[in-house]
Amino acid sequence: MNEITFAQAWAYGGMLMWVLALFSVAALALVFYLWYSQRRGVVIPEALENIKRAKDPQAEGSRIAQRLFSQVQWLSDIAAIAPLVGLLGTVLGMFEAFGGIASQASAAAKPVVLAQGVSQAIVTTIFGLVVAIPSQLAYAFFRRRAQRRVDEIEERADEILA
């Protein structure tokens, strides 16, 4: 079986690989940020202090919950967009492959031209999914974590305000 190196795959993928790389770095940065910023010892004391000082504690609690969930939502957005970028690479690769065949006069060059376009299509699809799947898993984890934090904040705020 003919093996392909990472550098070759990157070259086949073209410019869209940079977009997918940006998404993967952003997702990884978000995971580290959320892991740190949504720790129980960070979120809950700050939230309870803000609720105590608020003129409308219920509205402040809603704002806190919205902020926690909106931070996590970025992971879902990356998980949704990355496969679309991969699909765009697939379409562009097929366009290049069949456009190359149409423009080539010699029949011998056609399989090579077709293979290059199909390689771009496959590589961008794979990398789009490689970015999307872990991002979706991280989103599910941090969404549940945010919900646990909100539930705990509500419980503790009810005790404080009662």
C-alpha atoms as a PDB file:
ATOM      1  CA  MET A   1       0.000   0.000   0.000  1.00  0.00           C
ATOM      2  CA  ASN A   2       1.291   3.429  -0.902  1.00  0.00           C
ATOM      3  CA  GLU A   3       1.612   5.525   2.258  1.00  0.00           C
ATOM      4  CA  ILE A   4       1.276   9.287   2.274  1.00  0.00           C
ATOM      5  CA  THR A   5       3.191  11.535   4.635  1.00  0.00           C
ATOM      6  CA  PHE A   6       1.652  14.361   6.613  1.00  0.00           C
ATOM      7  CA  ALA A   7       3.523  16.909   4.467  1.00  0.00           C
ATOM      8  CA  GLN A   8       2.153  15.348   1.285  1.00  0.00           C
ATOM      9  CA  ALA A   9      -1.373  15.334   2.718  1.00  0.00           C
ATOM     10  CA  TRP A  10      -0.959  18.973   3.703  1.00  0.00           C
ATOM     11  CA  ALA A  11       0.194  19.859   0.200  1.00  0.00           C
ATOM     12  CA  TYR A  12      -2.719  17.974  -1.383  1.00  0.00           C
ATOM     13  CA  GLY A  13      -5.198  19.794   0.838  1.00  0.00           C
ATOM     14  CA  GLY A  14      -4.165  23.236  -0.345  1.00  0.00           C
ATOM     15  CA  MET A  15      -5.162  26.504   1.319  1.00  0.00           C
ATOM     16  CA  LEU A  16      -8.118  24.988   3.135  1.00  0.00           C
ATOM     17  CA  MET A  17      -5.694  23.067   5.323  1.00  0.00           C
ATOM     18  CA  TRP A  18      -4.657  26.382   6.878  1.00  0.00           C
ATOM     19  CA  VAL A  19      -8.289  27.137   7.707  1.00  0.00           C
ATOM     20  CA  LEU A  20      -8.663  23.718   9.306  1.00  0.00           C
ATOM     21  CA  ALA A  21      -5.399  24.225  11.201  1.00  0.00           C
ATOM     22  CA  LEU A  22      -6.728  27.545  12.518  1.00  0.00           C
ATOM     23  CA  PHE A  23      -9.915  25.827  13.664  1.00  0.00           C
ATOM     24  CA  SER A  24      -7.960  23.083  15.399  1.00  0.00           C
ATOM     25  CA  VAL A  25      -5.747  25.590  17.235  1.00  0.00           C
ATOM     26  CA  ALA A  26      -8.806  27.634  18.235  1.00  0.00           C
ATOM     27  CA  ALA A  27     -10.591  24.519  19.507  1.00  0.00           C
ATOM     28  CA  LEU A  28      -7.566  23.426  21.507  1.00  0.00           C
ATOM     29  CA  ALA A  29      -7.160  26.906  22.976  1.00  0.00           C
ATOM     30  CA  LEU A  30     -10.853  26.928  23.919  1.00  0.00           C
ATOM     31  CA  VAL A  31     -10.511  23.553  25.635  1.00  0.00           C
ATOM     32  CA  PHE A  32      -7.628  24.833  27.766  1.00  0.00           C
ATOM     33  CA  TYR A  33      -9.459  28.093  28.481  1.00  0.00           C
ATOM     34  CA  LEU A  34     -12.697  26.354  29.470  1.00  0.00           C
ATOM     35  CA  TRP A  35     -10.869  23.761  31.537  1.00  0.00           C
ATOM     36  CA  TYR A  36      -9.290  26.561  33.555  1.00  0.00           C
ATOM     37  CA  SER A  37     -12.029  29.204  33.611  1.00  0.00           C
ATOM     38  CA  GLN A  38     -14.960  26.930  34.446  1.00  0.00           C
ATOM     39  CA  ARG A  39     -13.407  25.301  37.453  1.00  0.00           C
ATOM     40  CA  ARG A  40     -15.733  25.162  40.438  1.00  0.00           C
ATOM     41  CA  GLY A  41     -13.381  27.252  42.578  1.00  0.00           C
ATOM     42  CA  VAL A  42     -13.261  30.008  39.946  1.00  0.00           C
ATOM     43  CA  VAL A  43     -16.813  30.209  38.625  1.00  0.00           C
ATOM     44  CA  ILE A  44     -18.959  29.715  41.706  1.00  0.00           C
ATOM     45  CA  PRO A  45     -17.412  32.228  44.152  1.00  0.00           C
ATOM     46  CA  GLU A  46     -17.296  34.924  41.469  1.00  0.00           C
ATOM     47  CA  ALA A  47     -20.859  34.218  40.382  1.00  0.00           C
ATOM     48  CA  LEU A  48     -22.212  34.253  43.931  1.00  0.00           C
ATOM     49  CA  GLU A  49     -20.452  37.541  44.652  1.00  0.00           C
ATOM     50  CA  ASN A  50     -21.954  39.102  41.517  1.00  0.00           C
ATOM     51  CA  ILE A  51     -25.413  37.814  42.424  1.00  0.00           C
ATOM     52  CA  LYS A  52     -25.140  39.230  45.976  1.00  0.00           C
ATOM     53  CA  ARG A  53     -24.197  42.682  44.641  1.00  0.00           C
ATOM     54  CA  ALA A  54     -26.797  42.722  41.865  1.00  0.00           C
ATOM     55  CA  LYS A  55     -29.975  44.790  42.061  1.00  0.00           C
ATOM     56  CA  ASP A  56     -31.795  41.965  40.277  1.00  0.00           C
ATOM     57  CA  PRO A  57     -30.188  38.682  41.365  1.00  0.00           C
ATOM     58  CA  GLN A  58     -32.289  36.579  39.002  1.00  0.00           C
ATOM     59  CA  ALA A  59     -31.258  38.628  35.974  1.00  0.00           C
ATOM     60  CA  GLU A  60     -27.624  38.460  37.064  1.00  0.00           C
ATOM     61  CA  GLY A  61     -27.883  34.683  37.424  1.00  0.00           C
ATOM     62  CA  SER A  62     -29.304  34.479  33.908  1.00  0.00           C
ATOM     63  CA  ARG A  63     -26.428  36.582  32.578  1.00  0.00           C
ATOM     64  CA  ILE A  64     -23.899  34.334  34.278  1.00  0.00           C
ATOM     65  CA  ALA A  65     -25.514  31.202  32.864  1.00  0.00           C
ATOM     66  CA  GLN A  66     -25.682  32.745  29.399  1.00  0.00           C
ATOM     67  CA  ARG A  67     -22.008  33.674  29.562  1.00  0.00           C
ATOM     68  CA  LEU A  68     -20.985  30.148  30.587  1.00  0.00           C
ATOM     69  CA  PHE A  69     -22.983  28.561  27.780  1.00  0.00           C
ATOM     70  CA  SER A  70     -21.906  31.082  25.146  1.00  0.00           C
ATOM     71  CA  GLN A  71     -18.235  30.348  25.849  1.00  0.00           C
ATOM     72  CA  VAL A  72     -18.883  26.650  25.273  1.00  0.00           C
ATOM     73  CA  GLN A  73     -20.906  27.312  22.110  1.00  0.00           C
ATOM     74  CA  TRP A  74     -17.733  28.203  20.204  1.00  0.00           C
ATOM     75  CA  LEU A  75     -16.707  24.545  20.277  1.00  0.00           C
ATOM     76  CA  SER A  76     -20.013  23.550  18.719  1.00  0.00           C
ATOM     77  CA  ASP A  77     -19.557  26.178  16.022  1.00  0.00           C
ATOM     78  CA  ILE A  78     -16.099  24.836  15.168  1.00  0.00           C
ATOM     79  CA  ALA A  79     -17.467  21.280  15.141  1.00  0.00           C
ATOM     80  CA  ALA A  80     -20.163  22.354  12.679  1.00  0.00           C
ATOM     81  CA  ILE A  81     -17.991  24.477  10.383  1.00  0.00           C
ATOM     82  CA  ALA A  82     -14.890  22.247  10.092  1.00  0.00           C
ATOM     83  CA  PRO A  83     -16.649  19.470   8.125  1.00  0.00           C
ATOM     84  CA  LEU A  84     -18.120  22.112   5.840  1.00  0.00           C
ATOM     85  CA  VAL A  85     -14.611  23.378   5.107  1.00  0.00           C
ATOM     86  CA  GLY A  86     -13.630  19.772   4.411  1.00  0.00           C
ATOM     87  CA  LEU A  87     -16.621  19.442   2.108  1.00  0.00           C
ATOM     88  CA  LEU A  88     -15.585  22.620   0.329  1.00  0.00           C
ATOM     89  CA  GLY A  89     -12.178  21.019  -0.197  1.00  0.00           C
ATOM     90  CA  THR A  90     -13.926  17.969  -1.609  1.00  0.00           C
ATOM     91  CA  VAL A  91     -15.885  20.049  -4.079  1.00  0.00           C
ATOM     92  CA  LEU A  92     -12.825  22.078  -5.075  1.00  0.00           C
ATOM     93  CA  GLY A  93     -10.770  18.895  -5.463  1.00  0.00           C
ATOM     94  CA  MET A  94     -13.398  17.308  -7.700  1.00  0.00           C
ATOM     95  CA  PHE A  95     -13.680  20.506  -9.696  1.00  0.00           C
ATOM     96  CA  GLU A  96      -9.909  20.540 -10.158  1.00  0.00           C
ATOM     97  CA  ALA A  97      -9.845  16.844 -11.054  1.00  0.00           C
ATOM     98  CA  PHE A  98     -12.543  16.960 -13.686  1.00  0.00           C
ATOM     99  CA  GLY A  99     -11.493  20.379 -14.942  1.00  0.00           C
ATOM    100  CA  GLY A 100      -7.976  19.012 -15.398  1.00  0.00           C
ATOM    101  CA  ILE A 101      -9.265  16.031 -17.326  1.00  0.00           C
ATOM    102  CA  ALA A 102     -11.328  18.256 -19.579  1.00  0.00           C
ATOM    103  CA  SER A 103      -8.363  20.490 -20.359  1.00  0.00           C
ATOM    104  CA  GLN A 104      -5.806  17.690 -20.938  1.00  0.00           C
ATOM    105  CA  ALA A 105      -5.350  16.534 -24.510  1.00  0.00           C
ATOM    106  CA  SER A 106      -3.425  13.362 -23.839  1.00  0.00           C
ATOM    107  CA  ALA A 107      -5.249  10.375 -22.416  1.00  0.00           C
ATOM    108  CA  ALA A 108      -2.169   9.280 -20.454  1.00  0.00           C
ATOM    109  CA  ALA A 109      -2.222  12.361 -18.206  1.00  0.00           C
ATOM    110  CA  LYS A 110      -5.872  11.958 -17.199  1.00  0.00           C
ATOM    111  CA  PRO A 111      -5.450   9.423 -14.359  1.00  0.00           C
ATOM    112  CA  VAL A 112      -2.682  11.496 -12.782  1.00  0.00           C
ATOM    113  CA  VAL A 113      -4.737  14.691 -12.959  1.00  0.00           C
ATOM    114  CA  LEU A 114      -7.796  12.904 -11.597  1.00  0.00           C
ATOM    115  CA  ALA A 115      -5.801  11.363  -8.741  1.00  0.00           C
ATOM    116  CA  GLN A 116      -4.411  14.717  -7.635  1.00  0.00           C
ATOM    117  CA  GLY A 117      -7.876  16.300  -7.439  1.00  0.00           C
ATOM    118  CA  VAL A 118      -9.340  13.294  -5.654  1.00  0.00           C
ATOM    119  CA  SER A 119      -6.431  13.402  -3.180  1.00  0.00           C
ATOM    120  CA  GLN A 120      -7.317  16.994  -2.288  1.00  0.00           C
ATOM    121  CA  ALA A 121     -10.935  15.988  -1.859  1.00  0.00           C
ATOM    122  CA  ILE A 122     -10.145  13.097   0.461  1.00  0.00           C
ATOM    123  CA  VAL A 123      -7.520  14.900   2.520  1.00  0.00           C
ATOM    124  CA  THR A 124      -9.640  17.966   3.290  1.00  0.00           C
ATOM    125  CA  THR A 125     -12.614  15.790   4.198  1.00  0.00           C
ATOM    126  CA  ILE A 126     -10.484  13.713   6.572  1.00  0.00           C
ATOM    127  CA  PHE A 127      -8.918  16.749   8.228  1.00  0.00           C
ATOM    128  CA  GLY A 128     -12.305  18.471   8.528  1.00  0.00           C
ATOM    129  CA  LEU A 129     -13.605  15.465  10.419  1.00  0.00           C
ATOM    130  CA  VAL A 130     -10.427  15.188  12.495  1.00  0.00           C
ATOM    131  CA  VAL A 131     -11.073  18.735  13.719  1.00  0.00           C
ATOM    132  CA  ALA A 132     -14.854  18.382  14.081  1.00  0.00           C
ATOM    133  CA  ILE A 133     -15.134  15.143  16.035  1.00  0.00           C
ATOM    134  CA  PRO A 134     -12.925  16.112  19.015  1.00  0.00           C
ATOM    135  CA  SER A 135     -14.479  19.600  19.000  1.00  0.00           C
ATOM    136  CA  GLN A 136     -17.960  18.069  19.262  1.00  0.00           C
ATOM    137  CA  LEU A 137     -16.832  15.763  22.063  1.00  0.00           C
ATOM    138  CA  ALA A 138     -15.286  18.703  23.931  1.00  0.00           C
ATOM    139  CA  TYR A 139     -18.470  20.719  23.389  1.00  0.00           C
ATOM    140  CA  ALA A 140     -20.592  17.949  24.909  1.00  0.00           C
ATOM    141  CA  PHE A 141     -18.253  17.659  27.894  1.00  0.00           C
ATOM    142  CA  PHE A 142     -18.068  21.403  28.601  1.00  0.00           C
ATOM    143  CA  ARG A 143     -21.793  21.954  27.978  1.00  0.00           C
ATOM    144  CA  ARG A 144     -22.577  19.400  30.695  1.00  0.00           C
ATOM    145  CA  ARG A 145     -19.919  20.937  32.916  1.00  0.00           C
ATOM    146  CA  ALA A 146     -21.415  24.416  32.427  1.00  0.00           C
ATOM    147  CA  GLN A 147     -24.871  23.038  33.256  1.00  0.00           C
ATOM    148  CA  ARG A 148     -23.527  21.527  36.483  1.00  0.00           C
ATOM    149  CA  ARG A 149     -21.952  24.880  37.396  1.00  0.00           C
ATOM    150  CA  VAL A 150     -25.206  26.740  36.693  1.00  0.00           C
ATOM    151  CA  ASP A 151     -27.180  24.236  38.776  1.00  0.00           C
ATOM    152  CA  GLU A 152     -24.739  24.618  41.659  1.00  0.00           C
ATOM    153  CA  ILE A 153     -24.795  28.421  41.404  1.00  0.00           C
ATOM    154  CA  GLU A 154     -28.615  28.396  41.477  1.00  0.00           C
ATOM    155  CA  GLU A 155     -28.672  26.113  44.510  1.00  0.00           C
ATOM    156  CA  ARG A 156     -26.108  28.139  46.443  1.00  0.00           C
ATOM    157  CA  ALA A 157     -27.661  31.482  45.421  1.00  0.00           C
ATOM    158  CA  ASP A 158     -31.073  30.314  46.693  1.00  0.00           C
ATOM    159  CA  GLU A 159     -29.465  29.492  50.049  1.00  0.00           C
ATOM    160  CA  ILE A 160     -27.716  32.873  50.251  1.00  0.00           C
ATOM    161  CA  LEU A 161     -30.696  34.958  49.168  1.00  0.00           C
ATOM    162  CA  ALA A 162     -33.240  33.112  51.339  1.00  0.00           C
END
